[in-house]
Amino acid sequence: MTATAIWPMSLYNQGPILLVVDALLMIVLSFLPIKINLNLKLAFIVVSILALVFWAIYINGPVYGAITILQFLIVLILIQLPFEYLKDLLNFTVKWFAIMLIPSLLIYWALFFVDLPSFGTFVHPVYVPFDNFIFYIRTTWDNQVFPRFNAFLLEPGHLALLCTFLTIACRYRFKENKWLLILAISTVFSFSLAGYLLYVIGYVLLKVNSAIKGIAVAIGLAVAATAAIGLGGGENALNKLILERLERDEHAGIKGNNRFTDSTDFIYQQSFEKGKAWTGVQNTTNMENVKGAGYKIYIIKNGFIGILLSLLFYILVIPSQPDYRYTISYLIVLSLCFIQRSAPEMYHWLFPYVTGIYLAKYEKEKRLNSLSADLEE
């Protein structure tokens, strides 16, 4: 199941749905002005995609292989788009995602003050039931702290990561794209530890280029942490859902490290002991015992070979003469995300990453061309 599936689609088999969505995206993108540049780099990218497809077929069967090839073939179209079209596509995506989040946020806030009528209960086989407000589904699970915002997605973490990746693709340029503010607000109210950490790490890697900015960010984080700890004697959502989860734990490392169950840990360890970690063990394992999200799940399903093939693609797709700081920073953020939620084949990873690194390359070329023109004058 895709991590960014909206709730109405989450009850159905994701394979056929993704096939239809992938095919429609291919058709829509094919109408854009694309000039295919056949070169050795493109050949390497195609070979890496074919390797991922064959591995997907070996691991999960032909349907998953078909989904994989459609997902990654769309990347081939994205990297051929001219700068302006690629930028417009990213801005369009951010804008309409933010517009969809606005009614979600309004309903979420309104429910603190009034009891709005719902459209019944949305029951999912994996999650506890949700109160259904169409644009917003509210979990009926009481964490006894504060309701976390997940909009129309199944988990607050799904929302926070998608908002973070899109914001990084836009390089945190709030002045150029005001819709990013809606994504930032949504991330804040998600109270997602992973979302918070990756959002801040991405900002530091991309925007902090002087000691003054670094000190300002450090002071801001320290003030926020101090306020959270002191506000209400520490009995507040930011402290309970974020800061306390960063405390050290003897078994998990930090309290917030709750991505895997004991049964998952056991199966993961067994894959190493049986020498199956390279190829994965899902074909010989009762996957109902594998619960959670993150790198252990990915290795159980796809093995280390799956990780290496995905990494190879993410490296090969990097354009020639890229914006090295931006590209490396984005790869660091994705690598950290992979630890706790591994989905390198999904659109909420691929689309922001590819559009981001290619827009950064084109902007770098424009700066260099402008500088060259100034020097010639």
Protein backbone atom coordinates (compact mmCIF):
# COMPACT_ATOMS: atom_id res chain seq x y z
CA MET A 1 0.00 0.00 0.00
CA THR A 2 1.36 3.39 -0.96
CA ALA A 3 2.20 5.56 2.03
CA THR A 4 0.43 8.53 0.46
CA ALA A 5 -2.86 6.78 -0.39
CA ILE A 6 -5.88 8.89 0.47
CA TRP A 7 -8.39 7.10 2.65
CA PRO A 8 -11.05 6.23 0.01
CA MET A 9 -8.49 4.24 -1.98
CA SER A 10 -6.76 2.57 0.94
CA LEU A 11 -9.29 -0.26 1.24
CA TYR A 12 -8.67 -1.57 -2.26
CA ASN A 13 -5.86 -3.59 -3.80
CA GLN A 14 -3.16 -1.05 -4.53
CA GLY A 15 -1.70 -2.99 -7.45
CA PRO A 16 -4.47 -2.35 -10.03
CA ILE A 17 -5.00 1.19 -8.70
CA LEU A 18 -1.35 2.06 -9.16
CA LEU A 19 -1.33 0.53 -12.64
CA VAL A 20 -4.20 2.83 -13.66
CA VAL A 21 -2.68 5.89 -11.97
CA ASP A 22 0.74 5.21 -13.48
CA ALA A 23 -0.72 4.76 -16.95
CA LEU A 24 -2.74 8.00 -16.68
CA LEU A 25 0.33 9.92 -15.52
CA MET A 26 2.33 8.56 -18.42
CA ILE A 27 -0.37 9.68 -20.86
CA VAL A 28 -0.69 13.17 -19.34
CA LEU A 29 3.06 13.77 -19.18
CA SER A 30 3.51 12.55 -22.75
CA PHE A 31 1.59 15.62 -23.98
CA LEU A 32 4.28 17.90 -22.57
CA PRO A 33 7.05 19.15 -24.88
CA ILE A 34 9.63 16.42 -24.46
CA LYS A 35 12.77 16.09 -26.54
CA ILE A 36 14.41 12.75 -25.82
CA ASN A 37 18.18 13.06 -25.62
CA LEU A 38 19.63 9.63 -26.26
CA ASN A 39 22.97 9.33 -24.51
CA LEU A 40 25.01 6.96 -22.39
CA LYS A 41 23.66 8.40 -19.14
CA LEU A 42 20.06 7.77 -20.19
CA ALA A 43 21.04 4.22 -21.16
CA PHE A 44 22.48 3.61 -17.68
CA ILE A 45 19.29 4.93 -16.08
CA VAL A 46 17.16 2.64 -18.26
CA VAL A 47 19.34 -0.34 -17.34
CA SER A 48 18.99 0.49 -13.62
CA ILE A 49 15.19 0.69 -14.03
CA LEU A 50 15.12 -2.67 -15.80
CA ALA A 51 17.20 -4.18 -12.99
CA LEU A 52 14.65 -2.87 -10.45
CA VAL A 53 11.80 -4.26 -12.54
CA PHE A 54 13.34 -7.72 -12.86
CA TRP A 55 14.06 -7.76 -9.14
CA ALA A 56 10.47 -6.70 -8.39
CA ILE A 57 9.19 -9.54 -10.58
CA TYR A 58 11.50 -12.00 -8.82
CA ILE A 59 10.42 -10.82 -5.37
CA ASN A 60 6.73 -10.02 -5.84
CA GLY A 61 5.59 -11.25 -9.25
CA PRO A 62 4.69 -9.71 -12.63
CA VAL A 63 2.00 -7.29 -11.39
CA TYR A 64 4.45 -5.60 -9.02
CA GLY A 65 6.99 -5.59 -11.85
CA ALA A 66 4.52 -3.78 -14.12
CA ILE A 67 3.83 -1.20 -11.40
CA THR A 68 7.56 -0.68 -10.88
CA ILE A 69 8.33 -0.09 -14.54
CA LEU A 70 5.53 2.46 -14.87
CA GLN A 71 6.62 4.32 -11.73
CA PHE A 72 10.22 4.62 -12.84
CA LEU A 73 9.48 5.26 -16.52
CA ILE A 74 7.68 8.45 -15.47
CA VAL A 75 11.02 9.60 -14.10
CA LEU A 76 12.44 9.32 -17.63
CA ILE A 77 9.81 11.82 -18.77
CA LEU A 78 10.45 14.19 -15.85
CA ILE A 79 14.20 14.44 -16.53
CA GLN A 80 13.50 15.42 -20.17
CA LEU A 81 11.19 18.33 -19.31
CA PRO A 82 12.46 21.87 -19.88
CA PHE A 83 13.08 24.03 -16.81
CA GLU A 84 9.89 26.09 -16.98
CA TYR A 85 7.59 23.10 -17.43
CA LEU A 86 9.29 21.18 -14.63
CA LYS A 87 9.00 24.19 -12.31
CA ASP A 88 5.34 24.71 -13.21
CA LEU A 89 4.63 21.04 -12.56
CA LEU A 90 6.16 21.21 -9.09
CA ASN A 91 4.39 24.47 -8.23
CA PHE A 92 1.08 23.07 -9.52
CA THR A 93 1.48 19.98 -7.33
CA VAL A 94 2.32 22.00 -4.22
CA LYS A 95 -0.51 24.46 -4.83
CA TRP A 96 -3.28 21.89 -5.21
CA PHE A 97 -2.01 19.71 -2.40
CA ALA A 98 -2.07 22.80 -0.16
CA ILE A 99 -5.58 23.72 -1.35
CA MET A 100 -6.77 20.23 -0.40
CA LEU A 101 -5.14 20.61 3.03
CA ILE A 102 -6.91 23.90 3.85
CA PRO A 103 -10.38 22.40 4.52
CA SER A 104 -8.66 19.56 6.38
CA LEU A 105 -6.95 22.02 8.71
CA LEU A 106 -10.13 24.04 9.22
CA ILE A 107 -12.10 20.92 10.21
CA TYR A 108 -9.26 19.74 12.45
CA TRP A 109 -9.14 23.06 14.33
CA ALA A 110 -12.94 23.42 14.48
CA LEU A 111 -13.25 20.07 16.23
CA PHE A 112 -11.41 21.49 19.23
CA PHE A 113 -14.34 23.83 19.86
CA VAL A 114 -17.47 22.24 18.38
CA ASP A 115 -18.77 18.77 17.58
CA LEU A 116 -19.14 18.72 13.81
CA PRO A 117 -21.36 16.05 12.27
CA SER A 118 -19.31 13.34 10.60
CA PHE A 119 -20.13 11.17 7.59
CA GLY A 120 -19.98 8.02 9.66
CA THR A 121 -17.00 5.88 10.55
CA PHE A 122 -14.22 4.86 8.21
CA VAL A 123 -13.01 1.39 9.15
CA HIS A 124 -9.62 0.21 7.94
CA PRO A 125 -8.38 -3.36 8.50
CA VAL A 126 -5.01 -2.20 9.85
CA TYR A 127 -5.86 0.98 11.77
CA VAL A 128 -8.36 1.76 14.48
CA PRO A 129 -11.60 3.32 13.11
CA PHE A 130 -11.66 6.95 11.95
CA ASP A 131 -14.40 9.56 12.24
CA ASN A 132 -14.96 10.48 8.61
CA PHE A 133 -15.16 14.19 7.69
CA ILE A 134 -14.26 13.53 4.02
CA PHE A 135 -11.34 15.99 3.86
CA TYR A 136 -10.17 14.90 7.27
CA ILE A 137 -10.32 11.53 9.01
CA ARG A 138 -9.86 11.66 12.78
CA THR A 139 -8.59 8.58 14.53
CA THR A 140 -10.69 7.29 17.41
CA TRP A 141 -7.55 6.15 19.23
CA ASP A 142 -6.97 8.28 22.31
CA ASN A 143 -3.27 8.95 22.83
CA GLN A 144 -4.21 11.00 25.93
CA VAL A 145 -2.03 13.86 24.72
CA PHE A 146 -3.25 15.72 21.66
CA PRO A 147 -4.97 14.73 18.39
CA ARG A 148 -2.38 14.66 15.63
CA PHE A 149 -3.23 16.02 12.18
CA ASN A 150 -3.19 13.50 9.35
CA ALA A 151 -5.60 15.26 6.92
CA PHE A 152 -7.04 12.69 4.47
CA LEU A 153 -4.09 10.30 4.85
CA LEU A 154 -3.91 7.32 7.18
CA GLU A 155 -1.09 8.56 9.41
CA PRO A 156 0.32 11.93 10.50
CA GLY A 157 3.77 10.66 9.53
CA HIS A 158 2.67 10.08 5.94
CA LEU A 159 1.50 13.69 5.75
CA ALA A 160 4.59 15.16 7.39
CA LEU A 161 7.02 13.32 5.10
CA LEU A 162 5.14 14.30 1.94
CA CYS A 163 5.05 17.95 3.05
CA THR A 164 8.74 17.83 3.93
CA PHE A 165 9.84 16.33 0.60
CA LEU A 166 7.81 18.84 -1.41
CA THR A 167 9.19 21.70 0.67
CA ILE A 168 12.76 20.51 0.08
CA ALA A 169 12.02 20.25 -3.66
CA CYS A 170 10.98 23.92 -3.49
CA ARG A 171 14.15 24.68 -1.43
CA TYR A 172 12.18 26.23 1.44
CA ARG A 173 11.45 29.29 -0.71
CA PHE A 174 8.39 30.56 1.07
CA LYS A 175 8.58 33.99 -0.59
CA GLU A 176 8.34 32.43 -4.05
CA ASN A 177 5.68 29.89 -3.15
CA LYS A 178 3.29 30.98 -0.40
CA TRP A 179 1.53 27.57 -0.50
CA LEU A 180 4.53 26.10 1.30
CA LEU A 181 3.23 27.79 4.45
CA ILE A 182 0.19 25.47 4.43
CA LEU A 183 2.54 22.49 4.17
CA ALA A 184 4.63 23.82 7.06
CA ILE A 185 1.56 24.32 9.26
CA SER A 186 0.37 20.80 8.42
CA THR A 187 3.77 19.41 9.38
CA VAL A 188 3.69 21.25 12.72
CA PHE A 189 0.29 19.87 13.68
CA SER A 190 1.19 16.35 12.55
CA PHE A 191 3.47 16.12 15.61
CA SER A 192 5.55 13.63 13.63
CA LEU A 193 9.01 13.15 15.13
CA ALA A 194 10.43 11.96 11.81
CA GLY A 195 8.74 14.81 9.96
CA TYR A 196 10.13 17.40 12.38
CA LEU A 197 13.66 16.00 12.27
CA LEU A 198 13.84 15.69 8.48
CA TYR A 199 12.27 19.13 7.98
CA VAL A 200 14.89 20.75 10.23
CA ILE A 201 17.79 18.69 8.88
CA GLY A 202 16.82 19.57 5.30
CA TYR A 203 16.62 23.25 6.20
CA VAL A 204 20.01 23.22 7.91
CA LEU A 205 21.69 21.40 5.02
CA LEU A 206 20.23 23.70 2.36
CA LYS A 207 19.81 27.10 3.97
CA VAL A 208 22.37 27.44 6.75
CA ASN A 209 25.45 28.77 4.99
CA SER A 210 26.93 30.98 7.69
CA ALA A 211 27.74 30.86 11.38
CA ILE A 212 25.12 33.53 12.08
CA LYS A 213 22.34 31.48 10.49
CA GLY A 214 23.53 28.39 12.30
CA ILE A 215 23.45 30.18 15.65
CA ALA A 216 20.00 31.61 14.87
CA VAL A 217 18.61 28.15 14.07
CA ALA A 218 20.21 26.67 17.20
CA ILE A 219 18.77 29.43 19.39
CA GLY A 220 15.33 29.02 17.82
CA LEU A 221 15.33 25.26 18.45
CA ALA A 222 16.60 25.77 22.02
CA VAL A 223 13.89 28.34 22.77
CA ALA A 224 11.19 26.04 21.35
CA ALA A 225 12.47 23.09 23.37
CA THR A 226 12.72 25.14 26.56
CA ALA A 227 9.22 26.51 26.09
CA ALA A 228 7.83 23.03 25.42
CA ILE A 229 9.46 21.61 28.53
CA GLY A 230 8.31 24.47 30.73
CA LEU A 231 4.83 25.11 29.35
CA GLY A 232 2.27 23.59 31.67
CA GLY A 233 4.98 21.80 33.58
CA GLY A 234 5.83 19.80 30.47
CA GLU A 235 2.25 18.59 30.05
CA ASN A 236 1.88 19.72 26.45
CA ALA A 237 1.77 18.08 23.03
CA LEU A 238 5.19 19.24 21.78
CA ASN A 239 6.94 17.89 24.85
CA LYS A 240 4.99 14.63 25.05
CA LEU A 241 4.90 13.78 21.35
CA ILE A 242 8.31 15.07 20.28
CA LEU A 243 10.85 15.92 22.99
CA GLU A 244 10.13 13.03 25.36
CA ARG A 245 10.39 10.63 22.43
CA LEU A 246 13.98 11.81 21.92
CA GLU A 247 14.99 10.63 25.39
CA ARG A 248 17.37 7.69 25.53
CA ASP A 249 15.96 4.19 25.86
CA GLU A 250 18.07 1.14 26.78
CA HIS A 251 16.42 -1.11 24.18
CA ALA A 252 15.22 1.17 21.38
CA GLY A 253 18.01 3.78 21.53
CA ILE A 254 15.45 6.55 21.83
CA LYS A 255 11.87 6.28 23.06
CA GLY A 256 10.52 7.33 19.67
CA ASN A 257 12.13 4.34 17.95
CA ASN A 258 9.00 2.18 17.78
CA ARG A 259 9.07 1.18 14.13
CA PHE A 260 9.37 -2.58 14.62
CA THR A 261 7.62 -5.27 16.65
CA ASP A 262 9.41 -8.10 18.42
CA SER A 263 8.27 -10.57 15.77
CA THR A 264 9.70 -8.31 13.04
CA ASP A 265 13.02 -8.07 14.88
CA PHE A 266 13.12 -11.86 15.17
CA ILE A 267 12.42 -12.46 11.46
CA TYR A 268 14.95 -9.78 10.51
CA GLN A 269 17.62 -11.43 12.65
CA GLN A 270 16.74 -14.85 11.23
CA SER A 271 17.27 -13.57 7.69
CA PHE A 272 20.91 -12.87 8.59
CA GLU A 273 21.43 -16.14 10.39
CA LYS A 274 20.02 -18.09 7.42
CA GLY A 275 22.02 -16.04 4.89
CA LYS A 276 18.87 -14.65 3.25
CA ALA A 277 19.33 -10.95 4.01
CA TRP A 278 20.57 -10.25 0.48
CA THR A 279 17.47 -11.59 -1.24
CA GLY A 280 14.80 -11.12 1.44
CA VAL A 281 12.69 -13.75 3.13
CA GLN A 282 9.08 -12.76 2.42
CA ASN A 283 8.57 -15.78 0.14
CA THR A 284 9.36 -18.11 3.04
CA THR A 285 7.86 -16.02 5.86
CA ASN A 286 4.39 -15.45 7.22
CA MET A 287 4.25 -11.73 6.49
CA GLU A 288 1.35 -11.28 8.91
CA ASN A 289 3.99 -11.44 11.64
CA VAL A 290 5.96 -8.58 10.05
CA LYS A 291 4.63 -5.31 11.45
CA GLY A 292 5.95 -1.77 11.38
CA ALA A 293 7.80 0.39 8.88
CA GLY A 294 11.42 1.07 8.05
CA TYR A 295 14.60 -0.53 6.79
CA LYS A 296 14.06 -3.90 8.48
CA ILE A 297 10.73 -4.34 6.71
CA TYR A 298 12.33 -3.36 3.40
CA ILE A 299 15.18 -5.85 3.85
CA ILE A 300 12.77 -8.64 4.80
CA LYS A 301 10.76 -7.94 1.64
CA ASN A 302 13.44 -6.90 -0.87
CA GLY A 303 16.79 -7.81 0.64
CA PHE A 304 20.00 -5.81 0.45
CA ILE A 305 19.98 -6.29 -3.31
CA GLY A 306 16.77 -4.24 -3.44
CA ILE A 307 18.45 -1.48 -1.43
CA LEU A 308 21.53 -1.43 -3.67
CA LEU A 309 19.45 -1.34 -6.86
CA SER A 310 17.35 1.55 -5.53
CA LEU A 311 20.45 3.44 -4.44
CA LEU A 312 22.02 2.84 -7.86
CA PHE A 313 18.99 4.39 -9.56
CA TYR A 314 18.93 7.40 -7.24
CA ILE A 315 22.61 8.02 -8.01
CA LEU A 316 22.41 7.42 -11.77
CA VAL A 317 19.43 9.75 -12.16
CA ILE A 318 21.51 12.68 -10.83
CA PRO A 319 22.16 15.04 -13.77
CA SER A 320 25.62 15.88 -14.99
CA GLN A 321 27.15 18.90 -13.26
CA PRO A 322 24.41 19.09 -10.64
CA ASP A 323 24.04 21.47 -7.74
CA TYR A 324 26.19 19.27 -5.52
CA ARG A 325 25.15 20.76 -2.20
CA TYR A 326 21.45 20.43 -2.94
CA THR A 327 21.69 16.93 -4.40
CA ILE A 328 23.86 15.52 -1.62
CA SER A 329 21.65 17.18 1.01
CA TYR A 330 18.52 15.64 -0.49
CA LEU A 331 20.16 12.20 -0.60
CA ILE A 332 21.10 12.56 3.08
CA VAL A 333 17.49 13.39 3.99
CA LEU A 334 16.19 10.42 1.99
CA SER A 335 18.76 8.10 3.56
CA LEU A 336 17.68 9.17 7.03
CA CYS A 337 14.04 8.74 6.06
CA PHE A 338 14.79 5.25 4.74
CA ILE A 339 15.73 4.15 8.25
CA GLN A 340 12.24 4.72 9.60
CA ARG A 341 10.01 4.58 6.51
CA SER A 342 11.43 2.94 3.40
CA ALA A 343 9.62 3.64 0.13
CA PRO A 344 12.19 4.59 -2.55
CA GLU A 345 9.93 3.37 -5.35
CA MET A 346 6.96 5.59 -4.42
CA TYR A 347 5.97 8.92 -5.96
CA HIS A 348 6.26 10.88 -2.72
CA TRP A 349 9.99 10.06 -2.91
CA LEU A 350 10.63 10.03 -6.65
CA PHE A 351 8.72 13.11 -7.80
CA PRO A 352 10.09 15.68 -5.30
CA TYR A 353 13.62 14.27 -5.55
CA VAL A 354 13.85 14.25 -9.35
CA THR A 355 12.16 17.61 -9.85
CA GLY A 356 14.23 19.13 -7.06
CA ILE A 357 17.67 18.02 -8.27
CA TYR A 358 16.97 18.93 -11.91
CA LEU A 359 15.53 22.35 -11.07
CA ALA A 360 18.60 22.97 -8.88
CA LYS A 361 20.88 22.02 -11.80
CA TYR A 362 19.06 24.35 -14.23
CA GLU A 363 19.20 27.22 -11.74
CA LYS A 364 22.92 26.64 -11.25
CA GLU A 365 23.45 26.78 -15.02
CA LYS A 366 21.48 30.03 -15.23
CA ARG A 367 23.63 31.59 -12.50
CA LEU A 368 26.83 30.51 -14.23
CA ASN A 369 25.64 31.76 -17.62
CA SER A 370 24.63 35.08 -16.10
CA LEU A 371 28.00 35.39 -14.39
CA SER A 372 29.80 34.58 -17.64
CA ALA A 373 27.78 37.22 -19.50
CA ASP A 374 28.63 39.84 -16.86
CA LEU A 375 32.34 39.02 -17.10
CA GLU A 376 32.29 39.30 -20.89
CA GLU A 377 30.76 42.76 -20.65
